[in-house]
N, C-alpha and C. Protein backbone atom coordinates (compact mmCIF):
# COMPACT_ATOMS: atom_id res chain seq x y z
N MET A 1 -7.24 75.02 73.08
CA MET A 1 -7.14 74.09 74.43
C MET A 1 -8.07 73.34 74.84
N TYR A 2 -7.85 71.97 75.07
CA TYR A 2 -8.96 71.14 75.47
C TYR A 2 -9.13 71.08 77.05
N THR A 3 -10.32 71.20 77.47
CA THR A 3 -10.68 71.17 78.88
C THR A 3 -11.52 70.05 79.00
N ALA A 4 -11.51 69.16 80.01
CA ALA A 4 -12.42 68.23 80.35
C ALA A 4 -13.01 68.40 81.90
N SER A 5 -14.10 67.72 82.01
CA SER A 5 -14.76 67.89 83.52
C SER A 5 -14.25 66.64 84.19
N LEU A 6 -14.26 66.85 85.51
CA LEU A 6 -13.68 65.75 86.20
C LEU A 6 -14.67 64.43 86.04
N GLU A 7 -15.91 64.58 85.68
CA GLU A 7 -16.50 63.33 85.44
C GLU A 7 -16.14 62.76 84.02
N GLU A 8 -15.85 63.59 83.07
CA GLU A 8 -15.27 62.77 81.82
C GLU A 8 -13.95 62.26 82.01
N LEU A 9 -12.93 62.69 82.87
CA LEU A 9 -11.85 62.03 83.22
C LEU A 9 -12.00 60.85 83.92
N ALA A 10 -12.77 60.78 85.03
CA ALA A 10 -13.20 59.69 85.68
C ALA A 10 -13.68 58.64 84.88
N VAL A 11 -14.58 58.69 83.80
CA VAL A 11 -15.23 57.79 83.04
C VAL A 11 -13.98 57.32 82.10
N GLU A 12 -13.28 58.24 81.58
CA GLU A 12 -12.09 57.67 80.62
C GLU A 12 -11.27 56.94 81.38
N GLU A 13 -10.69 57.28 82.57
CA GLU A 13 -9.84 56.50 83.34
C GLU A 13 -10.42 55.22 83.72
N GLU A 14 -11.52 55.09 84.06
CA GLU A 14 -12.35 53.90 84.66
C GLU A 14 -12.16 52.82 83.43
N GLY A 15 -12.63 53.27 82.32
CA GLY A 15 -12.73 52.36 81.20
C GLY A 15 -11.30 51.79 80.84
N SER A 16 -10.32 52.51 81.01
CA SER A 16 -9.02 52.01 80.76
C SER A 16 -8.45 51.14 81.86
N LEU A 17 -8.96 51.09 82.98
CA LEU A 17 -8.45 50.35 84.05
C LEU A 17 -9.22 49.01 84.16
N THR A 18 -10.37 48.82 83.63
CA THR A 18 -11.12 47.72 83.72
C THR A 18 -10.81 46.46 82.90
N ILE A 19 -11.02 45.35 83.25
CA ILE A 19 -10.78 44.21 82.41
C ILE A 19 -12.05 43.39 82.34
N ASP A 20 -12.48 42.99 81.22
CA ASP A 20 -13.77 42.37 80.99
C ASP A 20 -13.52 40.83 81.24
N ILE A 21 -13.92 40.32 82.36
CA ILE A 21 -13.73 39.14 82.64
C ILE A 21 -14.34 37.98 81.80
N ASN A 22 -15.18 38.45 80.74
CA ASN A 22 -15.71 37.55 79.80
C ASN A 22 -14.76 37.34 78.64
N THR A 23 -14.25 38.29 78.32
CA THR A 23 -13.19 38.36 77.10
C THR A 23 -11.63 38.12 77.41
N ALA A 24 -11.34 38.55 78.57
CA ALA A 24 -9.80 38.61 78.83
C ALA A 24 -9.07 37.29 78.72
N ASP A 25 -7.93 37.45 78.27
CA ASP A 25 -7.22 36.11 78.21
C ASP A 25 -6.49 36.09 79.66
N GLU A 26 -5.58 34.95 79.75
CA GLU A 26 -4.87 34.54 80.85
C GLU A 26 -4.15 35.81 81.49
N GLU A 27 -3.40 36.40 80.50
CA GLU A 27 -2.44 37.43 80.83
C GLU A 27 -3.25 38.60 81.29
N GLU A 28 -4.30 39.11 80.71
CA GLU A 28 -5.26 40.21 81.15
C GLU A 28 -5.68 39.72 82.51
N LEU A 29 -6.19 38.68 82.91
CA LEU A 29 -6.78 38.45 84.00
C LEU A 29 -5.89 38.35 85.28
N ASP A 30 -4.53 37.85 84.96
CA ASP A 30 -3.36 37.98 85.78
C ASP A 30 -3.18 39.35 86.31
N GLU A 31 -3.42 40.31 85.60
CA GLU A 31 -3.32 41.74 86.09
C GLU A 31 -4.22 42.35 87.24
N LEU A 32 -5.31 41.24 87.33
CA LEU A 32 -6.34 41.62 88.51
C LEU A 32 -5.71 41.38 89.90
N PRO A 33 -5.96 42.24 90.78
CA PRO A 33 -5.54 41.89 92.21
C PRO A 33 -5.93 40.55 92.75
N GLN A 34 -4.92 40.02 93.48
CA GLN A 34 -5.16 38.56 93.90
C GLN A 34 -5.34 37.51 92.87
N VAL A 35 -5.16 37.87 91.65
CA VAL A 35 -5.24 36.74 90.62
C VAL A 35 -3.92 36.41 90.06
N GLY A 36 -3.40 35.18 90.15
CA GLY A 36 -2.22 34.86 89.53
C GLY A 36 -2.59 33.93 88.50
N PRO A 37 -1.46 33.30 87.83
CA PRO A 37 -1.69 32.49 86.56
C PRO A 37 -2.64 31.35 86.97
N ALA A 38 -2.63 30.70 87.92
CA ALA A 38 -3.48 29.62 88.13
C ALA A 38 -4.73 29.83 88.30
N THR A 39 -5.11 31.06 88.89
CA THR A 39 -6.49 31.58 89.15
C THR A 39 -6.90 32.18 87.80
N ALA A 40 -6.23 32.69 87.14
CA ALA A 40 -6.59 33.22 85.88
C ALA A 40 -7.08 32.03 84.81
N GLU A 41 -6.30 30.95 84.91
CA GLU A 41 -6.57 29.85 84.04
C GLU A 41 -7.89 29.21 84.73
N ALA A 42 -8.18 29.21 85.96
CA ALA A 42 -9.29 28.76 86.60
C ALA A 42 -10.61 29.48 86.15
N ILE A 43 -10.45 30.89 86.02
CA ILE A 43 -11.71 31.81 85.53
C ILE A 43 -11.88 31.41 84.10
N ILE A 44 -10.81 31.12 83.24
CA ILE A 44 -11.07 30.77 81.74
C ILE A 44 -11.76 29.53 81.77
N GLU A 45 -11.21 28.50 82.45
CA GLU A 45 -12.01 27.19 82.59
C GLU A 45 -13.39 27.21 82.94
N HIS A 46 -13.72 27.95 83.90
CA HIS A 46 -15.06 28.13 84.62
C HIS A 46 -15.96 28.79 83.28
N ARG A 47 -15.36 29.69 82.90
CA ARG A 47 -16.04 30.55 81.74
C ARG A 47 -16.33 29.56 80.51
N THR A 48 -15.34 28.90 80.10
CA THR A 48 -15.66 28.03 79.08
C THR A 48 -16.65 26.93 79.38
N ALA A 49 -16.76 26.27 80.48
CA ALA A 49 -17.58 25.26 80.97
C ALA A 49 -19.01 25.81 81.29
N ASN A 50 -19.12 26.97 81.75
CA ASN A 50 -20.37 27.53 82.22
C ASN A 50 -20.88 28.74 81.57
N GLY A 51 -20.24 29.12 80.68
CA GLY A 51 -20.66 30.35 79.81
C GLY A 51 -20.13 31.86 80.48
N ARG A 52 -20.73 32.66 79.91
CA ARG A 52 -20.42 34.12 80.34
C ARG A 52 -20.81 34.40 81.82
N PHE A 53 -19.98 35.30 82.47
CA PHE A 53 -20.41 35.71 83.82
C PHE A 53 -21.38 36.97 83.53
N ASP A 54 -22.44 36.94 84.48
CA ASP A 54 -23.45 38.02 84.38
C ASP A 54 -22.93 39.11 85.29
N ALA A 55 -22.18 38.82 86.36
CA ALA A 55 -21.70 39.75 87.29
C ALA A 55 -20.41 39.53 87.76
N VAL A 56 -19.60 40.38 88.27
CA VAL A 56 -18.21 40.16 88.69
C VAL A 56 -18.42 39.26 89.93
N ASP A 57 -19.41 39.44 90.70
CA ASP A 57 -19.63 38.71 91.99
C ASP A 57 -19.71 37.20 91.58
N GLU A 58 -20.06 36.75 90.34
CA GLU A 58 -20.04 35.35 90.02
C GLU A 58 -18.70 34.67 90.23
N LEU A 59 -17.71 35.39 90.05
CA LEU A 59 -16.18 34.96 90.17
C LEU A 59 -16.01 33.91 91.44
N GLN A 60 -16.87 34.32 92.32
CA GLN A 60 -16.87 33.44 93.73
C GLN A 60 -17.08 32.04 93.39
N GLU A 61 -17.86 31.69 92.17
CA GLU A 61 -18.15 30.34 91.78
C GLU A 61 -16.51 29.68 91.47
N VAL A 62 -15.71 30.33 91.15
CA VAL A 62 -14.35 30.09 90.79
C VAL A 62 -13.48 29.46 91.90
N SER A 63 -13.13 28.33 92.09
CA SER A 63 -12.16 27.79 93.25
C SER A 63 -10.99 28.86 93.46
N GLY A 64 -10.91 29.12 94.73
CA GLY A 64 -9.73 29.98 95.15
C GLY A 64 -10.13 31.52 95.14
N ILE A 65 -11.28 31.79 94.69
CA ILE A 65 -11.98 33.16 94.87
C ILE A 65 -12.94 33.41 95.76
N GLY A 66 -12.79 34.22 96.86
CA GLY A 66 -13.66 34.41 97.94
C GLY A 66 -14.01 35.79 97.98
N PRO A 67 -14.94 36.16 98.91
CA PRO A 67 -15.50 37.50 99.10
C PRO A 67 -14.50 38.63 99.23
N LYS A 68 -13.31 38.30 99.93
CA LYS A 68 -12.31 39.31 100.00
C LYS A 68 -11.65 39.64 98.75
N THR A 69 -11.34 38.54 97.98
CA THR A 69 -10.79 38.73 96.67
C THR A 69 -11.68 39.50 95.63
N ILE A 70 -13.04 39.10 95.63
CA ILE A 70 -13.89 39.75 94.95
C ILE A 70 -13.98 41.33 95.13
N ARG A 71 -13.90 41.72 96.57
CA ARG A 71 -13.80 43.15 96.84
C ARG A 71 -12.58 43.88 96.19
N LYS A 72 -11.53 43.16 96.02
CA LYS A 72 -10.32 43.82 95.47
C LYS A 72 -10.36 43.78 93.99
N ILE A 73 -11.00 42.88 93.44
CA ILE A 73 -11.05 42.74 92.06
C ILE A 73 -12.17 43.80 91.45
N LYS A 74 -13.33 44.02 92.24
CA LYS A 74 -14.27 44.75 91.67
C LYS A 74 -14.11 46.16 90.89
N PRO A 75 -13.19 46.92 91.54
CA PRO A 75 -12.90 48.13 90.96
C PRO A 75 -12.21 47.98 89.51
N PHE A 76 -11.65 46.78 89.21
CA PHE A 76 -10.77 46.71 87.94
C PHE A 76 -11.47 45.78 87.19
N ALA A 77 -12.62 45.15 87.26
CA ALA A 77 -13.27 44.20 86.46
C ALA A 77 -14.47 44.54 86.06
N LYS A 78 -15.09 44.04 84.83
CA LYS A 78 -16.48 44.45 84.35
C LYS A 78 -16.93 43.19 83.60
N VAL A 79 -18.26 42.96 83.31
CA VAL A 79 -18.77 41.96 82.60
C VAL A 79 -19.30 42.67 81.17
């Protein structure tokens, strides 16, 4: 029988729920809270024009994404 600690389960679960905003395609970005197809496309365009994001907070540089949206996205996004 396999047993896992709660910490191991949390790490496993967290990894499966997060989307890398530097490598995600439009469909994956669209899965983030408050991100629709137009915003996902804007994220990709920003990434293409300006390079990789160093932090999730940098998504605020994308038109249509503000502090409220960042707070909703943060638990599900990584760089």
